[in-house]
Amino acid sequence: MERKTQSLDWSLAPAGWDWAAQDEDGRWFWYRVRPSPSIGGGVWRAPSRAQTLAYAGRPNPAWDATLRYRHGADSGAGSAPSKTE
């Protein structure tokens, strides 16, 4: 399933998984905690049990600008980012 960044559908996210981000290869992931960009680049990192594949999109060289936070969620797992969808 391929989607555009603007059509991120939060209704598909598991309950409590309030973060989403896209890796450079185009794959989007849901996160239970705020992920961090990888030191090597190209991917977001979080503990393996705190991330799950959302869907595959097109490769994105601007992957590091894709971090999203679900509006209305409690940001107890980290502060809300400056860019939200």
PDB file of N, CA and C in Angstrom:
ATOM      1  N   MET A   1       0.853  -1.165   0.000  1.00  0.00           N
ATOM      2  CA  MET A   1       0.000   0.000   0.000  1.00  0.00           C
ATOM      3  C   MET A   1       0.903   1.234   0.000  1.00  0.00           C
ATOM      4  N   GLU A   2       0.685   2.153  -0.894  1.00  0.00           N
ATOM      5  CA  GLU A   2       1.509   3.352  -0.984  1.00  0.00           C
ATOM      6  C   GLU A   2       0.646   4.578  -0.713  1.00  0.00           C
ATOM      7  N   ARG A   3       1.177   5.480   0.103  1.00  0.00           N
ATOM      8  CA  ARG A   3       0.433   6.681   0.476  1.00  0.00           C
ATOM      9  C   ARG A   3       1.346   7.884   0.430  1.00  0.00           C
ATOM     10  N   LYS A   4       0.774   9.050   0.423  1.00  0.00           N
ATOM     11  CA  LYS A   4       1.545  10.293   0.499  1.00  0.00           C
ATOM     12  C   LYS A   4       1.661  10.703   1.956  1.00  0.00           C
ATOM     13  N   THR A   5       2.687  11.473   2.284  1.00  0.00           N
ATOM     14  CA  THR A   5       2.883  11.956   3.646  1.00  0.00           C
ATOM     15  C   THR A   5       1.619  12.632   4.160  1.00  0.00           C
ATOM     16  N   GLN A   6       0.985  13.440   3.333  1.00  0.00           N
ATOM     17  CA  GLN A   6      -0.176  14.201   3.761  1.00  0.00           C
ATOM     18  C   GLN A   6      -1.377  13.311   4.081  1.00  0.00           C
ATOM     19  N   SER A   7      -1.354  12.038   3.667  1.00  0.00           N
ATOM     20  CA  SER A   7      -2.508  11.185   3.906  1.00  0.00           C
ATOM     21  C   SER A   7      -2.256  10.162   5.012  1.00  0.00           C
ATOM     22  N   LEU A   8      -1.321  10.458   5.908  1.00  0.00           N
ATOM     23  CA  LEU A   8      -1.070   9.562   7.022  1.00  0.00           C
ATOM     24  C   LEU A   8      -2.381   9.367   7.788  1.00  0.00           C
ATOM     25  N   ASP A   9      -2.839   8.140   7.891  1.00  0.00           N
ATOM     26  CA  ASP A   9      -4.146   7.842   8.478  1.00  0.00           C
ATOM     27  C   ASP A   9      -3.970   7.323   9.906  1.00  0.00           C
ATOM     28  N   TRP A  10      -4.118   8.220  10.871  1.00  0.00           N
ATOM     29  CA  TRP A  10      -3.920   7.854  12.264  1.00  0.00           C
ATOM     30  C   TRP A  10      -4.926   6.824  12.755  1.00  0.00           C
ATOM     31  N   SER A  11      -6.048   6.677  12.074  1.00  0.00           N
ATOM     32  CA  SER A  11      -7.027   5.674  12.512  1.00  0.00           C
ATOM     33  C   SER A  11      -6.476   4.257  12.353  1.00  0.00           C
ATOM     34  N   LEU A  12      -5.423   4.103  11.561  1.00  0.00           N
ATOM     35  CA  LEU A  12      -4.799   2.795  11.362  1.00  0.00           C
ATOM     36  C   LEU A  12      -3.701   2.490  12.389  1.00  0.00           C
ATOM     37  N   ALA A  13      -3.320   3.493  13.162  1.00  0.00           N
ATOM     38  CA  ALA A  13      -2.267   3.304  14.167  1.00  0.00           C
ATOM     39  C   ALA A  13      -2.811   2.538  15.368  1.00  0.00           C
ATOM     40  N   PRO A  14      -2.008   1.629  15.910  1.00  0.00           N
ATOM     41  CA  PRO A  14      -2.443   0.951  17.138  1.00  0.00           C
ATOM     42  C   PRO A  14      -2.646   1.973  18.257  1.00  0.00           C
ATOM     43  N   ALA A  15      -3.545   1.678  19.169  1.00  0.00           N
ATOM     44  CA  ALA A  15      -3.794   2.571  20.307  1.00  0.00           C
ATOM     45  C   ALA A  15      -2.506   2.775  21.086  1.00  0.00           C
ATOM     46  N   GLY A  16      -2.205   4.027  21.406  1.00  0.00           N
ATOM     47  CA  GLY A  16      -1.009   4.352  22.168  1.00  0.00           C
ATOM     48  C   GLY A  16       0.246   4.512  21.330  1.00  0.00           C
ATOM     49  N   TRP A  17       0.164   4.285  20.047  1.00  0.00           N
ATOM     50  CA  TRP A  17       1.299   4.440  19.140  1.00  0.00           C
ATOM     51  C   TRP A  17       1.127   5.794  18.475  1.00  0.00           C
ATOM     52  N   ASP A  18       1.636   6.821  19.130  1.00  0.00           N
ATOM     53  CA  ASP A  18       1.326   8.196  18.759  1.00  0.00           C
ATOM     54  C   ASP A  18       2.394   8.905  17.934  1.00  0.00           C
ATOM     55  N   TRP A  19       3.394   8.187  17.488  1.00  0.00           N
ATOM     56  CA  TRP A  19       4.452   8.749  16.647  1.00  0.00           C
ATOM     57  C   TRP A  19       4.509   7.985  15.339  1.00  0.00           C
ATOM     58  N   ALA A  20       4.878   8.663  14.278  1.00  0.00           N
ATOM     59  CA  ALA A  20       5.075   8.020  12.980  1.00  0.00           C
ATOM     60  C   ALA A  20       6.235   8.723  12.280  1.00  0.00           C
ATOM     61  N   ALA A  21       6.965   7.959  11.480  1.00  0.00           N
ATOM     62  CA  ALA A  21       8.063   8.536  10.710  1.00  0.00           C
ATOM     63  C   ALA A  21       8.355   7.628   9.527  1.00  0.00           C
ATOM     64  N   GLN A  22       8.920   8.223   8.499  1.00  0.00           N
ATOM     65  CA  GLN A  22       9.253   7.495   7.278  1.00  0.00           C
ATOM     66  C   GLN A  22      10.772   7.359   7.153  1.00  0.00           C
ATOM     67  N   ASP A  23      11.225   6.147   6.855  1.00  0.00           N
ATOM     68  CA  ASP A  23      12.635   5.923   6.577  1.00  0.00           C
ATOM     69  C   ASP A  23      12.949   6.348   5.145  1.00  0.00           C
ATOM     70  N   GLU A  24      14.208   6.512   4.853  1.00  0.00           N
ATOM     71  CA  GLU A  24      14.630   6.963   3.522  1.00  0.00           C
ATOM     72  C   GLU A  24      14.150   6.021   2.419  1.00  0.00           C
ATOM     73  N   ASP A  25      14.039   4.728   2.707  1.00  0.00           N
ATOM     74  CA  ASP A  25      13.600   3.765   1.692  1.00  0.00           C
ATOM     75  C   ASP A  25      12.103   3.825   1.417  1.00  0.00           C
ATOM     76  N   GLY A  26      11.366   4.668   2.149  1.00  0.00           N
ATOM     77  CA  GLY A  26       9.941   4.856   1.904  1.00  0.00           C
ATOM     78  C   GLY A  26       9.025   4.189   2.910  1.00  0.00           C
ATOM     79  N   ARG A  27       9.560   3.299   3.743  1.00  0.00           N
ATOM     80  CA  ARG A  27       8.708   2.614   4.723  1.00  0.00           C
ATOM     81  C   ARG A  27       8.348   3.541   5.876  1.00  0.00           C
ATOM     82  N   TRP A  28       7.052   3.554   6.197  1.00  0.00           N
ATOM     83  CA  TRP A  28       6.533   4.298   7.340  1.00  0.00           C
ATOM     84  C   TRP A  28       6.366   3.341   8.503  1.00  0.00           C
ATOM     85  N   PHE A  29       6.657   3.827   9.716  1.00  0.00           N
ATOM     86  CA  PHE A  29       6.492   3.040  10.923  1.00  0.00           C
ATOM     87  C   PHE A  29       5.692   3.815  11.951  1.00  0.00           C
ATOM     88  N   TRP A  30       4.909   3.069  12.748  1.00  0.00           N
ATOM     89  CA  TRP A  30       4.260   3.618  13.935  1.00  0.00           C
ATOM     90  C   TRP A  30       5.217   3.387  15.097  1.00  0.00           C
ATOM     91  N   TYR A  31       5.224   4.319  16.053  1.00  0.00           N
ATOM     92  CA  TYR A  31       6.094   4.204  17.227  1.00  0.00           C
ATOM     93  C   TYR A  31       5.314   4.476  18.504  1.00  0.00           C
ATOM     94  N   ARG A  32       5.639   3.722  19.559  1.00  0.00           N
ATOM     95  CA  ARG A  32       5.052   3.970  20.882  1.00  0.00           C
ATOM     96  C   ARG A  32       5.810   5.055  21.630  1.00  0.00           C
ATOM     97  N   VAL A  33       7.055   5.266  21.261  1.00  0.00           N
ATOM     98  CA  VAL A  33       7.903   6.296  21.858  1.00  0.00           C
ATOM     99  C   VAL A  33       8.477   7.152  20.741  1.00  0.00           C
ATOM    100  N   ARG A  34       8.940   8.337  21.093  1.00  0.00           N
ATOM    101  CA  ARG A  34       9.514   9.209  20.072  1.00  0.00           C
ATOM    102  C   ARG A  34      10.813   8.593  19.530  1.00  0.00           C
ATOM    103  N   PRO A  35      10.875   8.332  18.220  1.00  0.00           N
ATOM    104  CA  PRO A  35      12.091   7.762  17.651  1.00  0.00           C
ATOM    105  C   PRO A  35      13.155   8.835  17.430  1.00  0.00           C
ATOM    106  N   SER A  36      14.369   8.384  17.208  1.00  0.00           N
ATOM    107  CA  SER A  36      15.488   9.282  16.920  1.00  0.00           C
ATOM    108  C   SER A  36      16.072   8.916  15.563  1.00  0.00           C
ATOM    109  N   PRO A  37      16.595   9.898  14.842  1.00  0.00           N
ATOM    110  CA  PRO A  37      17.242   9.561  13.572  1.00  0.00           C
ATOM    111  C   PRO A  37      18.518   8.754  13.840  1.00  0.00           C
ATOM    112  N   SER A  38      18.763   7.783  13.000  1.00  0.00           N
ATOM    113  CA  SER A  38      19.946   6.941  13.127  1.00  0.00           C
ATOM    114  C   SER A  38      21.213   7.754  12.896  1.00  0.00           C
ATOM    115  N   ILE A  39      22.273   7.425  13.617  1.00  0.00           N
ATOM    116  CA  ILE A  39      23.555   8.106  13.437  1.00  0.00           C
ATOM    117  C   ILE A  39      24.035   7.938  11.999  1.00  0.00           C
ATOM    118  N   GLY A  40      23.841   6.760  11.425  1.00  0.00           N
ATOM    119  CA  GLY A  40      24.268   6.498  10.047  1.00  0.00           C
ATOM    120  C   GLY A  40      23.352   7.104   8.997  1.00  0.00           C
ATOM    121  N   GLY A  41      22.179   7.578   9.422  1.00  0.00           N
ATOM    122  CA  GLY A  41      21.219   8.195   8.502  1.00  0.00           C
ATOM    123  C   GLY A  41      20.314   7.188   7.828  1.00  0.00           C
ATOM    124  N   GLY A  42      19.238   7.707   7.270  1.00  0.00           N
ATOM    125  CA  GLY A  42      18.322   6.900   6.477  1.00  0.00           C
ATOM    126  C   GLY A  42      17.186   6.231   7.215  1.00  0.00           C
ATOM    127  N   VAL A  43      17.296   6.085   8.529  1.00  0.00           N
ATOM    128  CA  VAL A  43      16.255   5.395   9.283  1.00  0.00           C
ATOM    129  C   VAL A  43      16.038   6.063  10.634  1.00  0.00           C
ATOM    130  N   TRP A  44      14.851   5.823  11.185  1.00  0.00           N
ATOM    131  CA  TRP A  44      14.515   6.245  12.538  1.00  0.00           C
ATOM    132  C   TRP A  44      14.715   5.058  13.450  1.00  0.00           C
ATOM    133  N   ARG A  45      15.118   5.297  14.687  1.00  0.00           N
ATOM    134  CA  ARG A  45      15.382   4.238  15.642  1.00  0.00           C
ATOM    135  C   ARG A  45      14.550   4.393  16.910  1.00  0.00           C
ATOM    136  N   ALA A  46      14.062   3.251  17.378  1.00  0.00           N
ATOM    137  CA  ALA A  46      13.362   3.139  18.652  1.00  0.00           C
ATOM    138  C   ALA A  46      13.527   1.682  19.077  1.00  0.00           C
ATOM    139  N   PRO A  47      13.284   1.344  20.334  1.00  0.00           N
ATOM    140  CA  PRO A  47      13.354  -0.067  20.725  1.00  0.00           C
ATOM    141  C   PRO A  47      12.457  -0.910  19.823  1.00  0.00           C
ATOM    142  N   SER A  48      12.898  -2.108  19.473  1.00  0.00           N
ATOM    143  CA  SER A  48      12.174  -2.937  18.501  1.00  0.00           C
ATOM    144  C   SER A  48      10.724  -3.205  18.886  1.00  0.00           C
ATOM    145  N   ARG A  49      10.438  -3.292  20.161  1.00  0.00           N
ATOM    146  CA  ARG A  49       9.052  -3.526  20.578  1.00  0.00           C
ATOM    147  C   ARG A  49       8.218  -2.260  20.563  1.00  0.00           C
ATOM    148  N   ALA A  50       8.846  -1.146  20.243  1.00  0.00           N
ATOM    149  CA  ALA A  50       8.135   0.134  20.223  1.00  0.00           C
ATOM    150  C   ALA A  50       7.957   0.658  18.807  1.00  0.00           C
ATOM    151  N   GLN A  51       8.186  -0.182  17.795  1.00  0.00           N
ATOM    152  CA  GLN A  51       7.952   0.238  16.422  1.00  0.00           C
ATOM    153  C   GLN A  51       7.321  -0.900  15.632  1.00  0.00           C
ATOM    154  N   THR A  52       6.466  -0.524  14.690  1.00  0.00           N
ATOM    155  CA  THR A  52       5.830  -1.515  13.831  1.00  0.00           C
ATOM    156  C   THR A  52       5.584  -0.874  12.462  1.00  0.00           C
ATOM    157  N   LEU A  53       5.701  -1.674  11.431  1.00  0.00           N
ATOM    158  CA  LEU A  53       5.525  -1.172  10.074  1.00  0.00           C
ATOM    159  C   LEU A  53       4.094  -0.672   9.869  1.00  0.00           C
ATOM    160  N   ALA A  54       3.979   0.520   9.322  1.00  0.00           N
ATOM    161  CA  ALA A  54       2.661   1.078   8.994  1.00  0.00           C
ATOM    162  C   ALA A  54       2.326   0.749   7.540  1.00  0.00           C
ATOM    163  N   TYR A  55       3.206   1.117   6.613  1.00  0.00           N
ATOM    164  CA  TYR A  55       3.049   0.801   5.197  1.00  0.00           C
ATOM    165  C   TYR A  55       4.281   1.251   4.433  1.00  0.00           C
ATOM    166  N   ALA A  56       4.377   0.844   3.189  1.00  0.00           N
ATOM    167  CA  ALA A  56       5.509   1.220   2.343  1.00  0.00           C
ATOM    168  C   ALA A  56       5.104   2.331   1.391  1.00  0.00           C
ATOM    169  N   GLY A  57       5.923   3.343   1.310  1.00  0.00           N
ATOM    170  CA  GLY A  57       5.700   4.452   0.396  1.00  0.00           C
ATOM    171  C   GLY A  57       6.870   4.559  -0.575  1.00  0.00           C
ATOM    172  N   ARG A  58       6.997   5.693  -1.180  1.00  0.00           N
ATOM    173  CA  ARG A  58       8.109   5.929  -2.106  1.00  0.00           C
ATOM    174  C   ARG A  58       9.353   6.358  -1.327  1.00  0.00           C
ATOM    175  N   PRO A  59      10.547   6.017  -1.816  1.00  0.00           N
ATOM    176  CA  PRO A  59      11.773   6.488  -1.165  1.00  0.00           C
ATOM    177  C   PRO A  59      11.729   8.012  -0.997  1.00  0.00           C
ATOM    178  N   ASN A  60      12.304   8.474   0.123  1.00  0.00           N
ATOM    179  CA  ASN A  60      12.221   9.890   0.448  1.00  0.00           C
ATOM    180  C   ASN A  60      13.570  10.385   0.960  1.00  0.00           C
ATOM    181  N   PRO A  61      14.288  11.170   0.141  1.00  0.00           N
ATOM    182  CA  PRO A  61      15.582  11.688   0.600  1.00  0.00           C
ATOM    183  C   PRO A  61      15.443  12.680   1.762  1.00  0.00           C
ATOM    184  N   ALA A  62      14.259  13.203   1.987  1.00  0.00           N
ATOM    185  CA  ALA A  62      14.014  14.120   3.111  1.00  0.00           C
ATOM    186  C   ALA A  62      13.369  13.376   4.278  1.00  0.00           C
ATOM    187  N   TRP A  63      13.741  12.129   4.471  1.00  0.00           N
ATOM    188  CA  TRP A  63      13.163  11.262   5.499  1.00  0.00           C
ATOM    189  C   TRP A  63      13.259  11.868   6.894  1.00  0.00           C
ATOM    190  N   ASP A  64      14.319  12.629   7.146  1.00  0.00           N
ATOM    191  CA  ASP A  64      14.538  13.169   8.491  1.00  0.00           C
ATOM    192  C   ASP A  64      13.592  14.308   8.852  1.00  0.00           C
ATOM    193  N   ALA A  65      12.736  14.701   7.914  1.00  0.00           N
ATOM    194  CA  ALA A  65      11.735  15.746   8.178  1.00  0.00           C
ATOM    195  C   ALA A  65      10.325  15.154   8.275  1.00  0.00           C
ATOM    196  N   THR A  66      10.219  13.823   8.458  1.00  0.00           N
ATOM    197  CA  THR A  66       8.901  13.176   8.415  1.00  0.00           C
ATOM    198  C   THR A  66       8.322  12.815   9.774  1.00  0.00           C
ATOM    199  N   LEU A  67       9.013  13.083  10.855  1.00  0.00           N
ATOM    200  CA  LEU A  67       8.504  12.712  12.172  1.00  0.00           C
ATOM    201  C   LEU A  67       7.169  13.398  12.437  1.00  0.00           C
ATOM    202  N   ARG A  68       6.177  12.615  12.809  1.00  0.00           N
ATOM    203  CA  ARG A  68       4.830  13.123  13.072  1.00  0.00           C
ATOM    204  C   ARG A  68       4.359  12.653  14.440  1.00  0.00           C
ATOM    205  N   TYR A  69       3.546  13.483  15.080  1.00  0.00           N
ATOM    206  CA  TYR A  69       2.947  13.159  16.369  1.00  0.00           C
ATOM    207  C   TYR A  69       1.437  13.265  16.248  1.00  0.00           C
ATOM    208  N   ARG A  70       0.744  12.307  16.828  1.00  0.00           N
ATOM    209  CA  ARG A  70      -0.721  12.296  16.737  1.00  0.00           C
ATOM    210  C   ARG A  70      -1.307  13.447  17.557  1.00  0.00           C
ATOM    211  N   HIS A  71      -2.085  14.304  16.896  1.00  0.00           N
ATOM    212  CA  HIS A  71      -2.752  15.407  17.596  1.00  0.00           C
ATOM    213  C   HIS A  71      -3.659  14.865  18.687  1.00  0.00           C
ATOM    214  N   GLY A  72      -3.632  15.528  19.822  1.00  0.00           N
ATOM    215  CA  GLY A  72      -4.523  15.155  20.911  1.00  0.00           C
ATOM    216  C   GLY A  72      -3.994  14.052  21.803  1.00  0.00           C
ATOM    217  N   ALA A  73      -2.839  13.479  21.467  1.00  0.00           N
ATOM    218  CA  ALA A  73      -2.274  12.416  22.300  1.00  0.00           C
ATOM    219  C   ALA A  73      -1.465  13.030  23.433  1.00  0.00           C
ATOM    220  N   ASP A  74      -1.394  12.331  24.543  1.00  0.00           N
ATOM    221  CA  ASP A  74      -0.561  12.762  25.663  1.00  0.00           C
ATOM    222  C   ASP A  74       0.887  12.483  25.300  1.00  0.00           C
ATOM    223  N   SER A  75       1.747  13.469  25.352  1.00  0.00           N
ATOM    224  CA  SER A  75       3.137  13.296  24.929  1.00  0.00           C
ATOM    225  C   SER A  75       4.035  12.823  26.056  1.00  0.00           C
ATOM    226  N   GLY A  76       3.538  11.978  26.937  1.00  0.00           N
ATOM    227  CA  GLY A  76       4.319  11.486  28.047  1.00  0.00           C
ATOM    228  C   GLY A  76       5.586  10.762  27.649  1.00  0.00           C
ATOM    229  N   ALA A  77       5.676  10.247  26.423  1.00  0.00           N
ATOM    230  CA  ALA A  77       6.853   9.501  25.977  1.00  0.00           C
ATOM    231  C   ALA A  77       7.895  10.417  25.364  1.00  0.00           C
ATOM    232  N   GLY A  78       7.723  11.702  25.451  1.00  0.00           N
ATOM    233  CA  GLY A  78       8.659  12.649  24.861  1.00  0.00           C
ATOM    234  C   GLY A  78       7.910  13.902  24.485  1.00  0.00           C
ATOM    235  N   SER A  79       8.601  14.953  24.294  1.00  0.00           N
ATOM    236  CA  SER A  79       7.920  16.202  23.941  1.00  0.00           C
ATOM    237  C   SER A  79       7.427  16.153  22.513  1.00  0.00           C
ATOM    238  N   ALA A  80       6.375  16.866  22.251  1.00  0.00           N
ATOM    239  CA  ALA A  80       5.824  16.910  20.900  1.00  0.00           C
ATOM    240  C   ALA A  80       6.791  17.628  19.972  1.00  0.00           C
ATOM    241  N   PRO A  81       6.928  17.155  18.742  1.00  0.00           N
ATOM    242  CA  PRO A  81       7.843  17.779  17.803  1.00  0.00           C
ATOM    243  C   PRO A  81       7.295  19.096  17.284  1.00  0.00           C
ATOM    244  N   SER A  82       8.131  19.855  16.654  1.00  0.00           N
ATOM    245  CA  SER A  82       7.674  21.127  16.083  1.00  0.00           C
ATOM    246  C   SER A  82       6.861  20.925  14.825  1.00  0.00           C
ATOM    247  N   LYS A  83       7.063  19.803  14.125  1.00  0.00           N
ATOM    248  CA  LYS A  83       6.291  19.522  12.913  1.00  0.00           C
ATOM    249  C   LYS A  83       5.301  18.416  13.208  1.00  0.00           C
ATOM    250  N   THR A  84       4.034  18.686  13.006  1.00  0.00           N
ATOM    251  CA  THR A  84       3.001  17.677  13.183  1.00  0.00           C
ATOM    252  C   THR A  84       2.105  17.670  11.971  1.00  0.00           C
ATOM    253  N   GLU A  85       1.400  16.592  11.811  1.00  0.00           N
ATOM    254  CA  GLU A  85       0.494  16.496  10.672  1.00  0.00           C
ATOM    255  C   GLU A  85      -0.903  16.819  11.105  1.00  0.00           C
TER     256      GLU A  85
END
